[in-house]
Amino acid sequence: MKPIHVALFTTGGTIDGTDSDLGTLRSESDAAKWLSLQPNVNVLSHCLFNKDSRDITDTDRAKMASAISECSADLVVVTHGTFTIAQSARALKRALGETPRTVLFVGAWKPFGNLDSDAPAQMEFALQALRGERPGVWIAMDGRLWDPDVTEKIDVEPGKFKLREVG
């Protein structure tokens, strides 16, 4: 398998170990640790901020866009909380315009530390999608690439959230 070079930008959220409902906050990204252990993956990790995604502002999204625009990597992963993952991905898609890069936003429904966590599977799918080098800005979750322009998070039953296509 050919080695790939990935820029990882962490922003917080459940996948990065921030879980505001449980009051937990970890200083190091679990997603960054996981990605750094994968064979044939060279990763350069950048912590942009460590927030619950409900607290991410337009200023934070501008910082995200600027950092990603300035990086030299063609393959980019942004870990992000699921509450506003679609809004941030849409903002980045507008900021980058037509891009030859593959930029994937990835979140998880349960933290890496949980025994029943989906975070490793979410990251594994994102890694496979990166190897496909599909240009553009996408949300890589639940085994598929979602177009942020037509995606939103919904509450399908109390305490359980999913993404869905709209429009």
Protein backbone atom coordinates (compact mmCIF):
# COMPACT_ATOMS: atom_id res chain seq x y z
CA MET A 1 0.00 0.00 0.00
CA LYS A 2 1.33 3.41 -1.03
CA PRO A 3 2.15 5.79 1.86
CA ILE A 4 -0.06 8.87 2.12
CA HIS A 5 0.60 12.25 3.73
CA VAL A 6 -2.30 13.63 5.72
CA ALA A 7 -2.81 16.97 7.45
CA LEU A 8 -5.09 16.51 10.46
CA PHE A 9 -6.83 19.55 11.92
CA THR A 10 -8.54 18.93 15.25
CA THR A 11 -11.35 21.12 16.54
CA GLY A 12 -12.81 19.13 19.45
CA GLY A 13 -16.03 17.20 19.63
CA THR A 14 -16.69 13.68 20.78
CA ILE A 15 -14.20 12.12 18.35
CA ASP A 16 -11.38 14.21 19.84
CA GLY A 17 -12.33 13.33 23.39
CA THR A 18 -14.42 16.40 24.18
CA ASP A 19 -17.83 15.41 25.45
CA SER A 20 -19.65 18.31 27.04
CA ASP A 21 -22.58 16.18 28.22
CA LEU A 22 -20.20 14.08 30.31
CA GLY A 23 -17.92 16.98 31.18
CA THR A 24 -14.79 15.29 29.80
CA LEU A 25 -12.00 17.13 28.02
CA ARG A 26 -8.75 15.52 26.92
CA SER A 27 -5.68 17.53 26.02
CA GLU A 28 -4.54 15.22 23.20
CA SER A 29 -6.70 14.17 20.29
CA ASP A 30 -7.61 10.48 20.30
CA ALA A 31 -8.16 10.74 16.55
CA ALA A 32 -4.60 12.03 16.08
CA LYS A 33 -3.24 9.15 18.16
CA TRP A 34 -5.25 6.63 16.13
CA LEU A 35 -4.20 8.08 12.76
CA SER A 36 -0.52 8.20 13.75
CA LEU A 37 -0.59 4.44 14.44
CA GLN A 38 -1.90 3.49 10.99
CA PRO A 39 0.55 1.86 8.56
CA ASN A 40 1.68 3.89 5.54
CA VAL A 41 0.19 7.11 6.91
CA ASN A 42 2.35 10.13 7.59
CA VAL A 43 0.32 12.60 9.61
CA LEU A 44 0.99 16.16 10.64
CA SER A 45 -1.50 17.13 13.33
CA HIS A 46 -2.66 20.69 14.03
CA CYS A 47 -4.92 21.55 16.97
CA LEU A 48 -7.01 24.52 15.88
CA PHE A 49 -9.13 24.54 19.04
CA ASN A 50 -10.83 22.07 21.35
CA LYS A 51 -14.51 22.97 21.54
CA ASP A 52 -17.92 21.43 21.70
CA SER A 53 -19.11 22.06 18.14
CA ARG A 54 -22.13 23.99 19.42
CA ASP A 55 -19.62 26.63 20.54
CA ILE A 56 -17.81 26.94 17.18
CA THR A 57 -18.22 30.43 15.74
CA ASP A 58 -17.87 31.95 12.28
CA THR A 59 -14.51 33.31 13.47
CA ASP A 60 -13.44 29.73 14.30
CA ARG A 61 -14.58 28.59 10.85
CA ALA A 62 -12.56 31.38 9.23
CA LYS A 63 -9.50 30.25 11.24
CA MET A 64 -10.12 26.69 10.05
CA ALA A 65 -10.39 27.80 6.41
CA SER A 66 -7.25 29.90 6.63
CA ALA A 67 -5.20 27.11 8.22
CA ILE A 68 -6.32 24.55 5.64
CA SER A 69 -5.77 26.96 2.75
CA GLU A 70 -2.21 27.58 3.93
CA CYS A 71 -1.25 23.93 4.41
CA SER A 72 0.52 22.10 1.61
CA ALA A 73 -1.21 18.73 2.04
CA ASP A 74 -3.53 17.39 -0.64
CA LEU A 75 -5.25 15.06 1.86
CA VAL A 76 -6.87 16.75 4.86
CA VAL A 77 -8.94 15.44 7.77
CA VAL A 78 -10.84 17.76 10.09
CA THR A 79 -12.14 16.16 13.28
CA HIS A 80 -15.29 17.91 14.39
CA GLY A 81 -18.26 17.54 16.70
CA THR A 82 -21.43 16.30 15.02
CA PHE A 83 -23.76 19.05 16.21
CA THR A 84 -22.42 21.58 13.66
CA ILE A 85 -20.26 19.42 11.38
CA ALA A 86 -22.43 20.20 8.35
CA GLN A 87 -22.33 23.97 8.95
CA SER A 88 -18.53 23.99 9.25
CA ALA A 89 -18.08 21.75 6.20
CA ARG A 90 -20.36 24.05 4.17
CA ALA A 91 -18.38 27.11 5.29
CA LEU A 92 -15.08 25.47 4.34
CA LYS A 93 -16.46 24.32 1.00
CA ARG A 94 -17.44 27.92 0.20
CA ALA A 95 -14.08 29.25 1.40
CA LEU A 96 -12.01 26.76 -0.65
CA GLY A 97 -14.17 26.80 -3.77
CA GLU A 98 -13.15 24.26 -6.41
CA THR A 99 -10.23 22.49 -4.78
CA PRO A 100 -8.03 19.62 -5.98
CA ARG A 101 -7.65 18.56 -2.33
CA THR A 102 -9.64 15.91 -0.55
CA VAL A 103 -10.92 17.47 2.68
CA LEU A 104 -12.89 15.19 4.98
CA PHE A 105 -14.78 16.24 8.10
CA VAL A 106 -15.09 13.33 10.52
CA GLY A 107 -17.02 13.01 13.76
CA ALA A 108 -18.18 10.23 16.04
CA TRP A 109 -21.32 9.50 17.98
CA LYS A 110 -19.36 8.06 20.95
CA PRO A 111 -15.82 8.88 22.19
CA PHE A 112 -12.81 6.69 21.37
CA GLY A 113 -12.61 5.60 25.01
CA ASN A 114 -16.05 3.96 25.05
CA LEU A 115 -16.09 0.21 24.51
CA ASP A 116 -18.88 0.57 21.94
CA SER A 117 -17.30 3.61 20.26
CA ASP A 118 -17.86 4.16 16.57
CA ALA A 119 -14.84 6.52 16.39
CA PRO A 120 -12.33 3.91 15.10
CA ALA A 121 -14.76 2.85 12.36
CA GLN A 122 -15.43 6.49 11.41
CA MET A 123 -11.68 7.15 11.14
CA GLU A 124 -11.10 3.91 9.20
CA PHE A 125 -13.74 4.89 6.67
CA ALA A 126 -12.21 8.37 6.35
CA LEU A 127 -8.77 6.84 5.79
CA GLN A 128 -10.16 4.61 3.02
CA ALA A 129 -11.91 7.61 1.46
CA LEU A 130 -8.65 9.60 1.54
CA ARG A 131 -6.92 6.85 -0.41
CA GLY A 132 -9.60 7.27 -3.09
CA GLU A 133 -8.48 10.91 -3.41
CA ARG A 134 -11.92 12.26 -4.26
CA PRO A 135 -11.44 16.03 -4.50
CA GLY A 136 -13.66 18.42 -2.64
CA VAL A 137 -14.99 18.95 0.87
CA TRP A 138 -16.99 16.06 2.34
CA ILE A 139 -18.34 14.72 5.60
CA ALA A 140 -17.03 11.17 6.00
CA MET A 141 -19.31 9.36 8.45
CA ASP A 142 -21.32 6.21 8.81
CA GLY A 143 -19.65 4.53 5.83
CA ARG A 144 -20.37 7.19 3.23
CA LEU A 145 -19.30 10.59 1.94
CA TRP A 146 -21.92 13.26 2.54
CA ASP A 147 -22.14 16.45 0.51
CA PRO A 148 -22.24 19.21 3.16
CA ASP A 149 -24.47 21.36 0.94
CA VAL A 150 -27.34 18.90 1.34
CA THR A 151 -26.61 17.34 4.74
CA GLU A 152 -27.86 18.10 8.22
CA LYS A 153 -27.85 16.39 11.59
CA ILE A 154 -31.23 15.23 12.84
CA ASP A 155 -32.54 13.75 16.05
CA VAL A 156 -34.15 10.49 14.94
CA GLU A 157 -35.05 9.36 18.44
CA PRO A 158 -34.29 10.80 21.88
CA GLY A 159 -30.55 10.66 22.51
CA LYS A 160 -29.65 9.27 19.08
CA PHE A 161 -28.53 11.51 16.23
CA LYS A 162 -27.92 10.82 12.56
CA LEU A 163 -27.04 12.69 9.41
CA ARG A 164 -29.49 12.95 6.54
CA GLU A 165 -29.59 14.43 3.08
CA VAL A 166 -31.95 17.30 2.57
CA GLY A 167 -33.07 19.24 -0.49
